[in-house]
Amino acid sequence: MRYCVVNGSPRGKSGNTAILLESLVEGIESTGTVEIVWFHLNDVRDRESAPKAFRTADVVVLGFPLYTDSMPGLTKAFIESLAPFEGLEDNPRLAFLVQSGFPEAQHSRFVERYLQKLAQRLNAPYAGTVIKGGCEGVRLRPQEMNQALFKQLCELGVDLAQGGKFDQARLENLAKPEHYPRFLATLFQLVLLLPVTQAYWINQLKKNGAYDARNARPFVSEN
C-alpha cells in the first residue's frame, strides 16, 4: 500500500500538524510493509509534486491546521489542484486530520462536512476525519505530556491501515470536548484578560512583526 501524507501547515515539518501526522503514520507503519511518501506544502517542490502523486497513491492523508475557522491557503490551493481528477475511477482513499488551537471540536465540524463532500466529488472513498482541538501547545510542551494523544493517533493509524477507515468511536473520543458548557464562557473571557494568558500571543505578534498592527481592521470601511 502506498500512502501519500500531505502536510498543509505553513509551519511545515516544525508545526503541530506534522507532529500529529507522525503519530498517525507510526500506527500505519506498525501494521506491516507500507510505503509512506511525505509532502510538506510549505516547500515549493513538494507543493508542485503533491498533486502529481495523488493518482499514484492508494491512500492520501491530508492534515492541516484550522486558523479562525479557515484552512491555510496552501491547503486550499492543493485541494483546488485536484480538480482534474474529479469523478475519475480508482481515485485513492482520502483521510483527513484537522487540528486547531480551539479546544472545542465544534469549531472544526463545518470543515469536516466540506471534506466529506470533497471526497464525494472526487469519487474517492472517504476514510474519515480526525479532529483535535487545543493543539497549539503540542510542539511546546514536554513530549511525555503528549503521550496519551500520540497513542490515540497511533491507534487510529492502525484502524486506517487495517480497515480502510478511522474507527468512529475513537474519532469521537479523541475530539472531546465537543463544546464547553455555556456557563464557562464568562470564566474563559476573564482568564483571557490575564497578562499571562496573552503573553504567548503577544510574543508571536512581535516575532512576526505584526504587533504594531494588532488592532488593524483593513476590511472595515472608514465611511
Foldseek 3Di string as FASTA:
>chain_A
DEEEEEEQELVFCLDLQVVLVVLLVLLQVVVDDYHYHYAYLNDPVSLVCVLVCQQVGQEYEYEFEQDQLHTDPSVVVSLVSNVVQFPPPNGHEYEYEYEYLAQAQQSCVVVQVVVVVSCVRNVHHYQGYAYGYNRRCCSPDPVVVCVVVSVLSSVQSNCCNPPVHGDPVSSVVRNPPNDDDPVCPVVVVVVCPDPVNCVVVCVVCVVVVNNVVPPPDVPDDPD
